[in-house]
Amino acid sequence: MSLTETERKEVVKFNMDKANDTLAEIPVLIQHKFYRTTANRLYYACFYAATALLINDGYEAHTHSGVKILLGLHYIKENKIEKTFGKMYEKLFDLRQQGDYSNWIDVKKDAIIPLLKPAEKFIAEIEKMINTNA
């Protein structure tokens, strides 16, 4: 995808807005004990932020696995993002997959709640990285 500089900035902003909006949905889901949906939305909030970062820096990913691979290769491996965030992203990816596609495995509260604060920090860190490079 070939974007002008203006288009690239707009797409990055749009994805960061989606990340923050999706993050804002989570307290309501937790309040009603919708942990499977919480895992989905928390993953997508991080996915939108990761996508924004990749686009901001000129990388293209066409799949969820592609985002995960590029994030690991260009940010985690190069110590631009803490390894703990990479592990958190991987865990959210797996929980979202289980919650969305498994017929027998459900997402439990104790699996998702510990990931809330790290995910919020991950998104804030990405937003800071993008704003630093703006």
C-alpha atoms as a PDB file:
ATOM      1  CA  MET A   1       0.000   0.000   0.000  1.00  0.00           C
ATOM      2  CA  SER A   2       1.519   3.235  -1.099  1.00  0.00           C
ATOM      3  CA  LEU A   3       0.404   6.132   1.064  1.00  0.00           C
ATOM      4  CA  THR A   4       1.232   9.785   0.921  1.00  0.00           C
ATOM      5  CA  GLU A   5       2.712  11.217   4.111  1.00  0.00           C
ATOM      6  CA  THR A   6      -0.644  12.840   4.953  1.00  0.00           C
ATOM      7  CA  GLU A   7      -2.543   9.595   4.351  1.00  0.00           C
ATOM      8  CA  ARG A   8      -0.037   7.635   6.438  1.00  0.00           C
ATOM      9  CA  LYS A   9      -0.490  10.030   9.375  1.00  0.00           C
ATOM     10  CA  GLU A  10      -4.268   9.812   9.051  1.00  0.00           C
ATOM     11  CA  VAL A  11      -4.212   6.000   9.008  1.00  0.00           C
ATOM     12  CA  VAL A  12      -1.883   5.925  12.024  1.00  0.00           C
ATOM     13  CA  LYS A  13      -4.148   8.330  13.934  1.00  0.00           C
ATOM     14  CA  PHE A  14      -7.249   6.354  12.946  1.00  0.00           C
ATOM     15  CA  ASN A  15      -5.692   3.115  14.237  1.00  0.00           C
ATOM     16  CA  MET A  16      -4.578   4.719  17.500  1.00  0.00           C
ATOM     17  CA  ASP A  17      -8.066   6.153  17.969  1.00  0.00           C
ATOM     18  CA  LYS A  18      -9.487   2.652  17.406  1.00  0.00           C
ATOM     19  CA  ALA A  19      -7.022   1.241  19.938  1.00  0.00           C
ATOM     20  CA  ASN A  20      -8.037   3.757  22.590  1.00  0.00           C
ATOM     21  CA  ASP A  21     -11.764   3.483  21.836  1.00  0.00           C
ATOM     22  CA  THR A  22     -11.578  -0.301  22.030  1.00  0.00           C
ATOM     23  CA  LEU A  23      -9.675  -0.081  25.310  1.00  0.00           C
ATOM     24  CA  ALA A  24     -12.465   2.139  26.683  1.00  0.00           C
ATOM     25  CA  GLU A  25     -15.021  -0.658  26.056  1.00  0.00           C
ATOM     26  CA  ILE A  26     -13.285  -3.083  28.399  1.00  0.00           C
ATOM     27  CA  PRO A  27     -14.499  -1.894  31.840  1.00  0.00           C
ATOM     28  CA  VAL A  28     -18.123  -2.429  30.779  1.00  0.00           C
ATOM     29  CA  LEU A  29     -17.337  -5.926  29.529  1.00  0.00           C
ATOM     30  CA  ILE A  30     -15.574  -6.827  32.768  1.00  0.00           C
ATOM     31  CA  GLN A  31     -18.404  -5.369  34.838  1.00  0.00           C
ATOM     32  CA  HIS A  32     -20.794  -7.787  33.106  1.00  0.00           C
ATOM     33  CA  LYS A  33     -18.301 -10.679  33.299  1.00  0.00           C
ATOM     34  CA  PHE A  34     -17.880 -10.990  29.525  1.00  0.00           C
ATOM     35  CA  TYR A  35     -14.313 -12.258  29.766  1.00  0.00           C
ATOM     36  CA  ARG A  36     -14.211 -13.913  26.331  1.00  0.00           C
ATOM     37  CA  THR A  37     -15.261 -10.636  24.730  1.00  0.00           C
ATOM     38  CA  THR A  38     -12.834  -8.773  26.982  1.00  0.00           C
ATOM     39  CA  ALA A  39      -9.981 -10.919  25.625  1.00  0.00           C
ATOM     40  CA  ASN A  40     -11.119 -10.160  22.088  1.00  0.00           C
ATOM     41  CA  ARG A  41     -11.367  -6.413  22.623  1.00  0.00           C
ATOM     42  CA  LEU A  42      -8.103  -6.209  24.602  1.00  0.00           C
ATOM     43  CA  TYR A  43      -6.288  -8.093  21.856  1.00  0.00           C
ATOM     44  CA  TYR A  44      -7.785  -5.842  19.189  1.00  0.00           C
ATOM     45  CA  ALA A  45      -6.874  -2.692  21.111  1.00  0.00           C
ATOM     46  CA  CYS A  46      -3.248  -3.874  21.121  1.00  0.00           C
ATOM     47  CA  PHE A  47      -3.500  -5.036  17.503  1.00  0.00           C
ATOM     48  CA  TYR A  48      -4.727  -1.617  16.343  1.00  0.00           C
ATOM     49  CA  ALA A  49      -1.885   0.097  18.228  1.00  0.00           C
ATOM     50  CA  ALA A  50       0.715  -2.325  16.848  1.00  0.00           C
ATOM     51  CA  THR A  51      -0.671  -1.796  13.348  1.00  0.00           C
ATOM     52  CA  ALA A  52      -0.439   1.980  13.815  1.00  0.00           C
ATOM     53  CA  LEU A  53       3.202   1.668  14.865  1.00  0.00           C
ATOM     54  CA  LEU A  54       4.062  -0.535  11.902  1.00  0.00           C
ATOM     55  CA  ILE A  55       2.377   1.814   9.438  1.00  0.00           C
ATOM     56  CA  ASN A  56       4.008   4.799  11.111  1.00  0.00           C
ATOM     57  CA  ASP A  57       7.413   3.245  10.523  1.00  0.00           C
ATOM     58  CA  GLY A  58       6.699   2.095   6.967  1.00  0.00           C
ATOM     59  CA  TYR A  59       6.034  -1.621   7.556  1.00  0.00           C
ATOM     60  CA  GLU A  60       3.146  -3.531   6.011  1.00  0.00           C
ATOM     61  CA  ALA A  61       1.406  -6.535   7.501  1.00  0.00           C
ATOM     62  CA  HIS A  62      -1.573  -8.208   5.889  1.00  0.00           C
ATOM     63  CA  THR A  63      -2.500 -10.669   8.638  1.00  0.00           C
ATOM     64  CA  HIS A  64      -2.659 -10.875  12.417  1.00  0.00           C
ATOM     65  CA  SER A  65       0.323 -13.222  12.359  1.00  0.00           C
ATOM     66  CA  GLY A  66       2.143 -10.746  10.135  1.00  0.00           C
ATOM     67  CA  VAL A  67       1.648  -7.977  12.689  1.00  0.00           C
ATOM     68  CA  LYS A  68       2.896 -10.276  15.448  1.00  0.00           C
ATOM     69  CA  ILE A  69       5.969 -11.282  13.404  1.00  0.00           C
ATOM     70  CA  LEU A  70       6.875  -7.715  12.381  1.00  0.00           C
ATOM     71  CA  LEU A  71       6.363  -6.454  15.929  1.00  0.00           C
ATOM     72  CA  GLY A  72       8.729  -9.131  17.195  1.00  0.00           C
ATOM     73  CA  LEU A  73      11.297  -8.628  14.463  1.00  0.00           C
ATOM     74  CA  HIS A  74      11.501  -4.827  14.376  1.00  0.00           C
ATOM     75  CA  TYR A  75      10.616  -3.798  17.925  1.00  0.00           C
ATOM     76  CA  ILE A  76      10.926  -6.624  20.464  1.00  0.00           C
ATOM     77  CA  LYS A  77      14.101  -8.178  19.041  1.00  0.00           C
ATOM     78  CA  GLU A  78      15.678  -4.734  18.604  1.00  0.00           C
ATOM     79  CA  ASN A  79      14.733  -3.770  22.206  1.00  0.00           C
ATOM     80  CA  LYS A  80      12.574  -0.847  21.099  1.00  0.00           C
ATOM     81  CA  ILE A  81       9.690  -2.452  23.006  1.00  0.00           C
ATOM     82  CA  GLU A  82      10.125  -4.519  26.166  1.00  0.00           C
ATOM     83  CA  LYS A  83      10.113  -8.292  25.761  1.00  0.00           C
ATOM     84  CA  THR A  84       7.371  -8.529  28.386  1.00  0.00           C
ATOM     85  CA  PHE A  85       5.075  -6.673  25.994  1.00  0.00           C
ATOM     86  CA  GLY A  86       5.842  -9.216  23.304  1.00  0.00           C
ATOM     87  CA  LYS A  87       4.893 -12.042  25.660  1.00  0.00           C
ATOM     88  CA  MET A  88       1.719 -10.180  26.667  1.00  0.00           C
ATOM     89  CA  TYR A  89       0.776  -9.651  23.004  1.00  0.00           C
ATOM     90  CA  GLU A  90       1.351 -13.350  22.302  1.00  0.00           C
ATOM     91  CA  LYS A  91      -0.844 -14.319  25.276  1.00  0.00           C
ATOM     92  CA  LEU A  92      -3.639 -11.990  24.127  1.00  0.00           C
ATOM     93  CA  PHE A  93      -3.354 -13.406  20.602  1.00  0.00           C
ATOM     94  CA  ASP A  94      -3.774 -16.934  21.995  1.00  0.00           C
ATOM     95  CA  LEU A  95      -6.654 -16.000  24.322  1.00  0.00           C
ATOM     96  CA  ARG A  96      -8.474 -14.229  21.518  1.00  0.00           C
ATOM     97  CA  GLN A  97      -8.032 -17.267  19.285  1.00  0.00           C
ATOM     98  CA  GLN A  98      -9.350 -19.576  22.018  1.00  0.00           C
ATOM     99  CA  GLY A  99     -12.285 -17.343  22.843  1.00  0.00           C
ATOM    100  CA  ASP A 100     -13.274 -16.763  19.231  1.00  0.00           C
ATOM    101  CA  TYR A 101     -12.696 -20.195  17.719  1.00  0.00           C
ATOM    102  CA  SER A 102     -12.595 -22.914  20.368  1.00  0.00           C
ATOM    103  CA  ASN A 103     -15.729 -24.937  21.015  1.00  0.00           C
ATOM    104  CA  TRP A 104     -14.611 -26.117  24.435  1.00  0.00           C
ATOM    105  CA  ILE A 105     -12.236 -23.578  25.942  1.00  0.00           C
ATOM    106  CA  ASP A 106     -13.541 -20.374  27.460  1.00  0.00           C
ATOM    107  CA  VAL A 107     -11.566 -17.378  28.695  1.00  0.00           C
ATOM    108  CA  LYS A 108     -11.595 -17.090  32.461  1.00  0.00           C
ATOM    109  CA  LYS A 109     -11.332 -13.943  34.559  1.00  0.00           C
ATOM    110  CA  ASP A 110      -7.974 -14.965  36.062  1.00  0.00           C
ATOM    111  CA  ALA A 111      -6.505 -15.337  32.555  1.00  0.00           C
ATOM    112  CA  ILE A 112      -7.499 -11.886  31.276  1.00  0.00           C
ATOM    113  CA  ILE A 113      -7.433  -9.520  34.277  1.00  0.00           C
ATOM    114  CA  PRO A 114      -3.615  -9.701  34.757  1.00  0.00           C
ATOM    115  CA  LEU A 115      -3.194  -8.566  31.132  1.00  0.00           C
ATOM    116  CA  LEU A 116      -5.195  -5.333  31.470  1.00  0.00           C
ATOM    117  CA  LYS A 117      -2.512  -3.028  32.885  1.00  0.00           C
ATOM    118  CA  PRO A 118       0.278  -4.385  30.657  1.00  0.00           C
ATOM    119  CA  ALA A 119      -1.947  -3.897  27.600  1.00  0.00           C
ATOM    120  CA  GLU A 120      -2.721  -0.319  28.638  1.00  0.00           C
ATOM    121  CA  LYS A 121       1.008   0.332  29.086  1.00  0.00           C
ATOM    122  CA  PHE A 122       1.759  -1.290  25.719  1.00  0.00           C
ATOM    123  CA  ILE A 123      -0.694   0.998  23.952  1.00  0.00           C
ATOM    124  CA  ALA A 124       0.589   4.074  25.820  1.00  0.00           C
ATOM    125  CA  GLU A 125       4.181   3.146  24.928  1.00  0.00           C
ATOM    126  CA  ILE A 126       3.294   2.783  21.263  1.00  0.00           C
ATOM    127  CA  GLU A 127       1.458   6.089  21.286  1.00  0.00           C
ATOM    128  CA  LYS A 128       4.534   7.717  22.825  1.00  0.00           C
ATOM    129  CA  MET A 129       6.796   6.141  20.171  1.00  0.00           C
ATOM    130  CA  ILE A 130       4.537   7.387  17.375  1.00  0.00           C
ATOM    131  CA  ASN A 131       4.316  10.896  18.830  1.00  0.00           C
ATOM    132  CA  THR A 132       8.098  11.012  19.244  1.00  0.00           C
ATOM    133  CA  ASN A 133       8.508  10.204  15.554  1.00  0.00           C
ATOM    134  CA  ALA A 134       5.738  12.554  14.380  1.00  0.00           C
END
